[in-house]
Amino acid sequence: MGLDRLQRPRHALRGSHDQLGDFYEREFTELSYTFEHAGWKFIMLDTNPGDRTPVDQARMQWLREVIAQTDPRQPLVLCTHHPLAPGVTLRLAGADEILALFAGHNLKAVLGAHHHGNHEEVVDGVLYTKTACLATTRSNHDGTTVRGYRLFHCTEDAITTEFVPVR
């Protein structure tokens, strides 16, 4: 109900704590999907069940097909629950295999979560992010107490981000 009040489009991605029961599937239906905004393609890839388990072959095949059908010049943003950035804590098993699929394409950002903590870095021209926890029932894994969410701004050729703290 809270999301229905937003004045902007919303796009959800299942988190590791959303796997109990079938509430997420009933509310949001698709686990992996794409959408476009201002010429950018966003790939929402469900990376559950966890950071120690690689994405299953059916989802990897779906991802291969999505990338194959995408103009290599189109700016891409990959959204996952588990982080893919090199060297981060709780990185998804098989992250390198996923990232290798984007060779020759215009991957601009990889947006992750799972490790509750703020993290922004650019590696080989790709922005990688994680965000602090917004929930009041979970703590941040990086030891900080800040709560919030992250906004992303896409221009014709670039993506920037800002963390918005919530009290």
N, C-alpha and C. Protein backbone atom coordinates (compact mmCIF):
# COMPACT_ATOMS: atom_id res chain seq x y z
N MET A 1 0.83 -1.20 0.00
CA MET A 1 0.00 0.00 0.00
C MET A 1 0.87 1.25 0.00
N GLY A 2 1.98 1.21 0.72
CA GLY A 2 2.86 2.37 0.76
C GLY A 2 3.45 2.67 -0.61
N LEU A 3 3.77 1.62 -1.36
CA LEU A 3 4.33 1.83 -2.69
C LEU A 3 3.32 2.44 -3.65
N ASP A 4 2.04 2.17 -3.44
CA ASP A 4 1.00 2.72 -4.31
C ASP A 4 0.93 4.25 -4.24
N ARG A 5 1.46 4.84 -3.17
CA ARG A 5 1.43 6.30 -3.02
C ARG A 5 2.56 7.00 -3.78
N LEU A 6 3.52 6.25 -4.27
CA LEU A 6 4.64 6.86 -4.99
C LEU A 6 4.14 7.58 -6.23
N GLN A 7 4.76 8.68 -6.53
CA GLN A 7 4.38 9.48 -7.70
C GLN A 7 5.23 9.12 -8.91
N ARG A 8 6.00 8.04 -8.81
CA ARG A 8 6.90 7.61 -9.88
C ARG A 8 6.70 6.12 -10.10
N PRO A 9 7.12 5.65 -11.27
CA PRO A 9 7.06 4.20 -11.48
C PRO A 9 7.94 3.48 -10.46
N ARG A 10 7.56 2.28 -10.10
CA ARG A 10 8.36 1.49 -9.18
C ARG A 10 8.63 0.13 -9.80
N HIS A 11 9.78 -0.40 -9.49
CA HIS A 11 10.18 -1.70 -10.02
C HIS A 11 10.82 -2.46 -8.88
N ALA A 12 10.22 -3.56 -8.50
CA ALA A 12 10.68 -4.33 -7.34
C ALA A 12 11.54 -5.51 -7.79
N LEU A 13 12.41 -5.92 -6.89
CA LEU A 13 13.23 -7.09 -7.09
C LEU A 13 13.23 -7.86 -5.78
N ARG A 14 12.99 -9.15 -5.86
CA ARG A 14 12.87 -9.99 -4.67
C ARG A 14 14.20 -10.04 -3.92
N GLY A 15 14.12 -9.88 -2.61
CA GLY A 15 15.29 -10.00 -1.75
C GLY A 15 15.33 -11.36 -1.09
N SER A 16 16.41 -11.62 -0.38
CA SER A 16 16.56 -12.94 0.25
C SER A 16 15.52 -13.17 1.35
N HIS A 17 15.02 -12.12 1.98
CA HIS A 17 14.01 -12.28 3.03
C HIS A 17 12.59 -12.34 2.46
N ASP A 18 12.46 -12.24 1.13
CA ASP A 18 11.16 -12.30 0.47
C ASP A 18 10.84 -13.69 -0.06
N GLN A 19 11.64 -14.68 0.31
CA GLN A 19 11.47 -16.02 -0.24
C GLN A 19 10.50 -16.89 0.54
N LEU A 20 10.10 -16.45 1.73
CA LEU A 20 9.17 -17.25 2.53
C LEU A 20 7.76 -17.12 2.00
N GLY A 21 7.10 -18.23 1.80
CA GLY A 21 5.74 -18.19 1.25
C GLY A 21 5.74 -17.71 -0.18
N ASP A 22 4.58 -17.30 -0.65
CA ASP A 22 4.48 -16.83 -2.04
C ASP A 22 3.97 -15.40 -2.13
N PHE A 23 4.12 -14.63 -1.02
CA PHE A 23 3.62 -13.26 -1.02
C PHE A 23 4.24 -12.43 -2.14
N TYR A 24 5.56 -12.50 -2.27
CA TYR A 24 6.22 -11.67 -3.28
C TYR A 24 5.67 -11.98 -4.67
N GLU A 25 5.60 -13.26 -5.01
CA GLU A 25 5.12 -13.65 -6.34
C GLU A 25 3.67 -13.20 -6.57
N ARG A 26 2.84 -13.29 -5.53
CA ARG A 26 1.45 -12.84 -5.68
C ARG A 26 1.36 -11.33 -5.87
N GLU A 27 2.21 -10.58 -5.17
CA GLU A 27 2.14 -9.12 -5.22
C GLU A 27 2.81 -8.55 -6.48
N PHE A 28 3.96 -9.09 -6.84
CA PHE A 28 4.75 -8.50 -7.92
C PHE A 28 4.86 -9.38 -9.17
N THR A 29 4.44 -10.61 -9.11
CA THR A 29 4.39 -11.61 -10.19
C THR A 29 5.74 -12.01 -10.75
N GLU A 30 6.44 -11.17 -11.48
CA GLU A 30 7.66 -11.58 -12.16
C GLU A 30 8.87 -11.51 -11.23
N LEU A 31 9.73 -12.54 -11.32
CA LEU A 31 10.94 -12.54 -10.52
C LEU A 31 12.11 -11.93 -11.28
N SER A 32 12.19 -12.16 -12.58
CA SER A 32 13.22 -11.55 -13.43
C SER A 32 12.51 -10.94 -14.63
N TYR A 33 12.86 -9.72 -14.97
CA TYR A 33 12.18 -9.02 -16.07
C TYR A 33 13.03 -7.83 -16.50
N THR A 34 12.63 -7.19 -17.57
CA THR A 34 13.31 -5.98 -18.03
C THR A 34 12.28 -4.87 -18.18
N PHE A 35 12.78 -3.65 -18.17
CA PHE A 35 11.95 -2.50 -18.53
C PHE A 35 12.88 -1.45 -19.10
N GLU A 36 12.31 -0.50 -19.82
CA GLU A 36 13.11 0.58 -20.39
C GLU A 36 12.65 1.92 -19.85
N HIS A 37 13.62 2.82 -19.71
CA HIS A 37 13.34 4.17 -19.24
C HIS A 37 14.34 5.11 -19.91
N ALA A 38 13.83 6.09 -20.63
CA ALA A 38 14.65 7.13 -21.26
C ALA A 38 15.77 6.55 -22.12
N GLY A 39 15.47 5.45 -22.82
CA GLY A 39 16.45 4.83 -23.71
C GLY A 39 17.37 3.83 -23.02
N TRP A 40 17.26 3.70 -21.72
CA TRP A 40 18.07 2.76 -20.96
C TRP A 40 17.29 1.46 -20.77
N LYS A 41 17.97 0.34 -20.77
CA LYS A 41 17.33 -0.94 -20.45
C LYS A 41 17.80 -1.37 -19.06
N PHE A 42 16.83 -1.69 -18.22
CA PHE A 42 17.08 -2.18 -16.87
C PHE A 42 16.77 -3.67 -16.86
N ILE A 43 17.72 -4.45 -16.41
CA ILE A 43 17.56 -5.90 -16.32
C ILE A 43 17.45 -6.25 -14.84
N MET A 44 16.28 -6.72 -14.46
CA MET A 44 16.01 -7.07 -13.07
C MET A 44 16.18 -8.59 -12.95
N LEU A 45 17.31 -9.01 -12.39
CA LEU A 45 17.67 -10.42 -12.32
C LEU A 45 17.53 -10.94 -10.90
N ASP A 46 16.63 -11.88 -10.69
CA ASP A 46 16.46 -12.51 -9.38
C ASP A 46 17.67 -13.41 -9.13
N THR A 47 18.46 -13.10 -8.10
CA THR A 47 19.67 -13.86 -7.80
C THR A 47 19.51 -14.78 -6.59
N ASN A 48 18.30 -14.99 -6.15
CA ASN A 48 18.06 -15.88 -5.01
C ASN A 48 18.19 -17.33 -5.45
N PRO A 49 18.59 -18.25 -4.58
CA PRO A 49 18.33 -18.25 -3.16
C PRO A 49 19.39 -17.61 -2.29
N GLY A 50 20.63 -17.41 -2.75
CA GLY A 50 21.59 -16.82 -1.83
C GLY A 50 22.92 -16.53 -2.45
N ASP A 51 23.77 -15.86 -1.67
CA ASP A 51 25.06 -15.44 -2.19
C ASP A 51 26.02 -16.60 -2.44
N ARG A 52 25.80 -17.74 -1.83
CA ARG A 52 26.70 -18.88 -2.03
C ARG A 52 26.23 -19.80 -3.16
N THR A 53 25.09 -19.50 -3.75
CA THR A 53 24.52 -20.33 -4.80
C THR A 53 24.46 -19.53 -6.10
N PRO A 54 25.12 -20.01 -7.16
CA PRO A 54 25.04 -19.28 -8.43
C PRO A 54 23.61 -19.25 -8.97
N VAL A 55 23.35 -18.29 -9.83
CA VAL A 55 22.05 -18.19 -10.49
C VAL A 55 21.82 -19.47 -11.30
N ASP A 56 20.60 -20.01 -11.25
CA ASP A 56 20.33 -21.28 -11.93
C ASP A 56 20.40 -21.12 -13.45
N GLN A 57 20.52 -22.24 -14.13
CA GLN A 57 20.74 -22.24 -15.58
C GLN A 57 19.56 -21.64 -16.35
N ALA A 58 18.34 -21.82 -15.86
CA ALA A 58 17.18 -21.24 -16.56
C ALA A 58 17.27 -19.71 -16.57
N ARG A 59 17.64 -19.11 -15.44
CA ARG A 59 17.77 -17.65 -15.39
C ARG A 59 18.99 -17.18 -16.16
N MET A 60 20.06 -17.96 -16.15
CA MET A 60 21.24 -17.60 -16.95
C MET A 60 20.89 -17.61 -18.44
N GLN A 61 20.10 -18.59 -18.86
CA GLN A 61 19.69 -18.64 -20.26
C GLN A 61 18.80 -17.44 -20.60
N TRP A 62 17.88 -17.10 -19.71
CA TRP A 62 17.03 -15.93 -19.90
C TRP A 62 17.90 -14.68 -20.05
N LEU A 63 18.91 -14.54 -19.20
CA LEU A 63 19.80 -13.38 -19.25
C LEU A 63 20.57 -13.35 -20.57
N ARG A 64 21.08 -14.49 -21.00
CA ARG A 64 21.79 -14.55 -22.30
C ARG A 64 20.89 -14.07 -23.43
N GLU A 65 19.63 -14.51 -23.42
CA GLU A 65 18.68 -14.12 -24.47
C GLU A 65 18.38 -12.62 -24.42
N VAL A 66 18.21 -12.08 -23.24
CA VAL A 66 17.95 -10.64 -23.09
C VAL A 66 19.12 -9.85 -23.67
N ILE A 67 20.32 -10.23 -23.32
CA ILE A 67 21.51 -9.51 -23.79
C ILE A 67 21.65 -9.66 -25.30
N ALA A 68 21.42 -10.85 -25.82
CA ALA A 68 21.54 -11.09 -27.27
C ALA A 68 20.55 -10.25 -28.06
N GLN A 69 19.39 -9.97 -27.49
CA GLN A 69 18.34 -9.20 -28.18
C GLN A 69 18.50 -7.69 -27.97
N THR A 70 19.55 -7.27 -27.29
CA THR A 70 19.76 -5.86 -26.95
C THR A 70 20.83 -5.26 -27.85
N ASP A 71 20.54 -4.09 -28.39
CA ASP A 71 21.53 -3.35 -29.17
C ASP A 71 22.76 -3.11 -28.30
N PRO A 72 23.95 -3.49 -28.75
CA PRO A 72 25.15 -3.33 -27.93
C PRO A 72 25.43 -1.89 -27.49
N ARG A 73 24.86 -0.90 -28.17
CA ARG A 73 25.08 0.50 -27.79
C ARG A 73 24.11 0.98 -26.72
N GLN A 74 23.00 0.27 -26.51
CA GLN A 74 22.00 0.73 -25.54
C GLN A 74 22.58 0.68 -24.12
N PRO A 75 22.44 1.76 -23.35
CA PRO A 75 22.91 1.74 -21.96
C PRO A 75 22.12 0.71 -21.15
N LEU A 76 22.84 -0.09 -20.37
CA LEU A 76 22.24 -1.16 -19.57
C LEU A 76 22.52 -0.97 -18.10
N VAL A 77 21.52 -1.34 -17.29
CA VAL A 77 21.68 -1.37 -15.85
C VAL A 77 21.22 -2.75 -15.40
N LEU A 78 22.09 -3.44 -14.69
CA LEU A 78 21.75 -4.75 -14.14
C LEU A 78 21.43 -4.58 -12.67
N CYS A 79 20.24 -5.02 -12.27
CA CYS A 79 19.80 -4.93 -10.88
C CYS A 79 19.70 -6.35 -10.32
N THR A 80 20.36 -6.57 -9.18
CA THR A 80 20.35 -7.87 -8.53
C THR A 80 20.18 -7.65 -7.03
N HIS A 81 19.74 -8.69 -6.34
CA HIS A 81 19.70 -8.55 -4.88
C HIS A 81 21.11 -8.71 -4.30
N HIS A 82 21.81 -9.71 -4.75
CA HIS A 82 23.15 -9.99 -4.24
C HIS A 82 24.17 -9.16 -5.02
N PRO A 83 25.14 -8.57 -4.33
CA PRO A 83 26.09 -7.70 -5.02
C PRO A 83 27.02 -8.49 -5.95
N LEU A 84 27.44 -7.83 -7.03
CA LEU A 84 28.34 -8.44 -8.01
C LEU A 84 29.69 -7.73 -8.07
N ALA A 85 29.83 -6.60 -7.41
CA ALA A 85 31.08 -5.83 -7.50
C ALA A 85 32.26 -6.68 -7.05
N PRO A 86 33.37 -6.58 -7.76
CA PRO A 86 34.56 -7.33 -7.37
C PRO A 86 35.00 -6.98 -5.95
N GLY A 87 35.29 -8.00 -5.16
CA GLY A 87 35.87 -7.79 -3.83
C GLY A 87 34.91 -7.40 -2.73
N VAL A 88 33.59 -7.35 -2.97
CA VAL A 88 32.68 -6.94 -1.90
C VAL A 88 32.27 -8.13 -1.05
N THR A 89 31.84 -7.85 0.16
CA THR A 89 31.34 -8.86 1.08
C THR A 89 30.00 -9.39 0.60
N LEU A 90 29.77 -10.68 0.75
CA LEU A 90 28.54 -11.37 0.37
C LEU A 90 28.28 -11.32 -1.14
N ARG A 91 29.35 -11.30 -1.91
CA ARG A 91 29.24 -11.29 -3.38
C ARG A 91 28.61 -12.59 -3.86
N LEU A 92 27.78 -12.48 -4.87
CA LEU A 92 27.08 -13.63 -5.42
C LEU A 92 28.07 -14.62 -6.03
N ALA A 93 27.90 -15.89 -5.71
CA ALA A 93 28.69 -16.94 -6.37
C ALA A 93 28.37 -16.90 -7.86
N GLY A 94 29.37 -16.97 -8.70
CA GLY A 94 29.16 -16.92 -10.14
C GLY A 94 29.04 -15.51 -10.70
N ALA A 95 29.36 -14.50 -9.90
CA ALA A 95 29.23 -13.11 -10.36
C ALA A 95 30.06 -12.84 -11.60
N ASP A 96 31.26 -13.39 -11.66
CA ASP A 96 32.12 -13.15 -12.83
C ASP A 96 31.50 -13.71 -14.11
N GLU A 97 30.84 -14.86 -14.01
CA GLU A 97 30.17 -15.45 -15.18
C GLU A 97 29.04 -14.54 -15.67
N ILE A 98 28.29 -13.98 -14.75
CA ILE A 98 27.21 -13.06 -15.13
C ILE A 98 27.79 -11.82 -15.80
N LEU A 99 28.78 -11.21 -15.18
CA LEU A 99 29.36 -9.99 -15.73
C LEU A 99 30.00 -10.22 -17.09
N ALA A 100 30.57 -11.40 -17.31
CA ALA A 100 31.20 -11.71 -18.60
C ALA A 100 30.19 -11.69 -19.75
N LEU A 101 28.93 -11.96 -19.45
CA LEU A 101 27.89 -11.96 -20.49
C LEU A 101 27.71 -10.57 -21.12
N PHE A 102 28.13 -9.53 -20.42
CA PHE A 102 27.94 -8.16 -20.89
C PHE A 102 29.10 -7.64 -21.74
N ALA A 103 30.09 -8.49 -22.00
CA ALA A 103 31.22 -8.08 -22.84
C ALA A 103 30.68 -7.62 -24.21
N GLY A 104 31.16 -6.48 -24.66
CA GLY A 104 30.70 -5.94 -25.94
C GLY A 104 29.40 -5.17 -25.87
N HIS A 105 28.84 -5.04 -24.68
CA HIS A 105 27.62 -4.26 -24.47
C HIS A 105 27.92 -3.06 -23.59
N ASN A 106 26.97 -2.14 -23.51
CA ASN A 106 27.14 -0.86 -22.85
C ASN A 106 26.62 -0.90 -21.41
N LEU A 107 27.20 -1.81 -20.60
CA LEU A 107 26.81 -1.92 -19.19
C LEU A 107 27.31 -0.69 -18.44
N LYS A 108 26.38 0.06 -17.85
CA LYS A 108 26.72 1.30 -17.15
C LYS A 108 26.70 1.14 -15.63
N ALA A 109 25.84 0.24 -15.12
CA ALA A 109 25.72 0.12 -13.66
C ALA A 109 25.23 -1.27 -13.28
N VAL A 110 25.67 -1.70 -12.08
CA VAL A 110 25.21 -2.93 -11.47
C VAL A 110 24.78 -2.56 -10.06
N LEU A 111 23.48 -2.67 -9.81
CA LEU A 111 22.90 -2.22 -8.55
C LEU A 111 22.56 -3.44 -7.70
N GLY A 112 23.13 -3.51 -6.52
CA GLY A 112 22.92 -4.66 -5.66
C GLY A 112 22.48 -4.25 -4.27
N ALA A 113 22.30 -5.24 -3.43
CA ALA A 113 21.85 -5.01 -2.05
C ALA A 113 22.46 -6.11 -1.18
N HIS A 114 21.65 -6.77 -0.40
CA HIS A 114 21.97 -7.92 0.44
C HIS A 114 22.94 -7.58 1.57
N HIS A 115 24.08 -7.02 1.25
CA HIS A 115 25.01 -6.58 2.29
C HIS A 115 24.55 -5.18 2.69
N HIS A 116 23.81 -5.09 3.77
CA HIS A 116 23.23 -3.81 4.18
C HIS A 116 24.34 -2.84 4.54
N GLY A 117 24.62 -1.94 3.63
CA GLY A 117 25.65 -0.94 3.84
C GLY A 117 25.83 -0.15 2.56
N ASN A 118 26.22 1.09 2.67
CA ASN A 118 26.41 1.92 1.49
C ASN A 118 27.76 1.64 0.85
N HIS A 119 27.73 1.49 -0.44
CA HIS A 119 28.94 1.22 -1.20
C HIS A 119 28.73 1.73 -2.62
N GLU A 120 29.65 2.54 -3.08
CA GLU A 120 29.64 3.02 -4.47
C GLU A 120 31.07 2.95 -4.98
N GLU A 121 31.24 2.36 -6.15
CA GLU A 121 32.55 2.38 -6.78
C GLU A 121 32.37 2.19 -8.28
N VAL A 122 33.32 2.71 -9.03
CA VAL A 122 33.32 2.53 -10.47
C VAL A 122 34.50 1.62 -10.81
N VAL A 123 34.21 0.53 -11.50
CA VAL A 123 35.22 -0.44 -11.92
C VAL A 123 35.10 -0.59 -13.43
N ASP A 124 36.16 -0.29 -14.14
CA ASP A 124 36.17 -0.39 -15.61
C ASP A 124 34.99 0.34 -16.24
N GLY A 125 34.66 1.51 -15.69
CA GLY A 125 33.60 2.35 -16.23
C GLY A 125 32.20 1.95 -15.83
N VAL A 126 32.05 0.95 -14.97
CA VAL A 126 30.73 0.48 -14.52
C VAL A 126 30.54 0.90 -13.06
N LEU A 127 29.41 1.56 -12.77
CA LEU A 127 29.06 1.93 -11.40
C LEU A 127 28.47 0.72 -10.68
N TYR A 128 29.04 0.39 -9.53
CA TYR A 128 28.52 -0.68 -8.67
C TYR A 128 28.05 -0.04 -7.37
N THR A 129 26.86 -0.44 -6.91
CA THR A 129 26.35 0.10 -5.65
C THR A 129 25.74 -0.99 -4.78
N LYS A 130 25.72 -0.71 -3.47
CA LYS A 130 24.92 -1.42 -2.47
C LYS A 130 24.31 -0.31 -1.61
N THR A 131 23.26 -0.63 -0.91
CA THR A 131 22.57 0.40 -0.14
C THR A 131 22.30 -0.07 1.28
N ALA A 132 22.37 0.87 2.21
CA ALA A 132 22.07 0.58 3.61
C ALA A 132 20.64 0.05 3.72
N CYS A 133 20.40 -0.66 4.79
CA CYS A 133 19.10 -1.26 5.03
C CYS A 133 18.06 -0.18 5.34
N LEU A 134 16.88 -0.34 4.80
CA LEU A 134 15.78 0.56 5.10
C LEU A 134 14.90 -0.02 6.21
N ALA A 135 14.91 -1.32 6.36
CA ALA A 135 14.06 -1.99 7.36
C ALA A 135 14.49 -1.65 8.78
N THR A 136 13.53 -1.61 9.66
CA THR A 136 13.84 -1.33 11.07
C THR A 136 14.16 -2.60 11.83
N THR A 137 13.94 -3.77 11.22
CA THR A 137 14.16 -5.04 11.92
C THR A 137 15.50 -5.68 11.58
N ARG A 138 16.28 -5.05 10.72
CA ARG A 138 17.58 -5.58 10.32
C ARG A 138 18.65 -4.51 10.58
N SER A 139 19.86 -4.94 10.82
CA SER A 139 20.95 -3.98 11.00
C SER A 139 21.80 -3.93 9.74
N ASN A 140 22.61 -2.89 9.63
CA ASN A 140 23.55 -2.78 8.52
C ASN A 140 24.76 -3.66 8.81
N HIS A 141 25.20 -4.38 7.81
CA HIS A 141 26.36 -5.27 7.97
C HIS A 141 27.67 -4.49 8.07
N ASP A 142 27.66 -3.22 7.67
CA ASP A 142 28.90 -2.44 7.73
C ASP A 142 29.05 -1.69 9.06
N GLY A 143 28.14 -1.95 10.01
CA GLY A 143 28.24 -1.33 11.33
C GLY A 143 27.65 0.05 11.46
N THR A 144 27.19 0.64 10.36
CA THR A 144 26.58 1.97 10.43
C THR A 144 25.13 1.84 10.87
N THR A 145 24.55 2.95 11.30
CA THR A 145 23.16 2.93 11.75
C THR A 145 22.22 3.66 10.79
N VAL A 146 22.77 4.28 9.75
CA VAL A 146 21.96 5.05 8.82
C VAL A 146 20.98 4.13 8.08
N ARG A 147 19.77 4.63 7.86
CA ARG A 147 18.73 3.94 7.10
C ARG A 147 18.43 4.79 5.88
N GLY A 148 18.00 4.17 4.80
CA GLY A 148 17.64 4.97 3.65
C GLY A 148 17.47 4.18 2.37
N TYR A 149 17.41 4.90 1.29
CA TYR A 149 17.26 4.31 -0.03
C TYR A 149 18.12 5.10 -1.01
N ARG A 150 18.21 4.61 -2.22
CA ARG A 150 19.10 5.20 -3.21
C ARG A 150 18.29 5.59 -4.44
N LEU A 151 18.52 6.80 -4.91
CA LEU A 151 17.93 7.27 -6.16
C LEU A 151 18.98 7.20 -7.25
N PHE A 152 18.54 6.91 -8.47
CA PHE A 152 19.44 6.88 -9.62
C PHE A 152 18.90 7.84 -10.66
N HIS A 153 19.81 8.56 -11.29
CA HIS A 153 19.44 9.53 -12.31
C HIS A 153 20.17 9.16 -13.60
N CYS A 154 19.39 8.93 -14.65
CA CYS A 154 19.96 8.57 -15.95
C CYS A 154 19.87 9.76 -16.89
N THR A 155 20.99 10.12 -17.48
CA THR A 155 20.99 11.09 -18.58
C THR A 155 21.20 10.27 -19.85
N GLU A 156 21.39 10.94 -20.94
CA GLU A 156 21.55 10.22 -22.21
C GLU A 156 22.67 9.18 -22.15
N ASP A 157 23.73 9.50 -21.43
CA ASP A 157 24.92 8.66 -21.48
C ASP A 157 25.51 8.28 -20.13
N ALA A 158 24.93 8.76 -19.04
CA ALA A 158 25.54 8.52 -17.72
C ALA A 158 24.46 8.23 -16.67
N ILE A 159 24.90 7.58 -15.60
CA ILE A 159 24.02 7.34 -14.46
C ILE A 159 24.73 7.83 -13.21
N THR A 160 23.99 8.54 -12.37
CA THR A 160 24.52 8.98 -11.09
C THR A 160 23.57 8.51 -10.00
N THR A 161 24.05 8.53 -8.77
CA THR A 161 23.25 8.03 -7.66
C THR A 161 23.37 8.95 -6.46
N GLU A 162 22.34 8.92 -5.64
CA GLU A 162 22.39 9.64 -4.37
C GLU A 162 21.68 8.80 -3.33
N PHE A 163 22.27 8.73 -2.16
CA PHE A 163 21.66 8.03 -1.03
C PHE A 163 20.78 9.01 -0.28
N VAL A 164 19.55 8.60 0.01
CA VAL A 164 18.59 9.43 0.72
C VAL A 164 18.35 8.82 2.11
N PRO A 165 18.87 9.46 3.15
CA PRO A 165 18.66 8.91 4.50
C PRO A 165 17.22 9.09 4.96
N VAL A 166 16.77 8.14 5.74
CA VAL A 166 15.41 8.17 6.32
C VAL A 166 15.57 8.01 7.83
N ARG A 167 14.85 8.84 8.58
CA ARG A 167 14.92 8.73 10.05
C ARG A 167 14.06 7.61 10.54
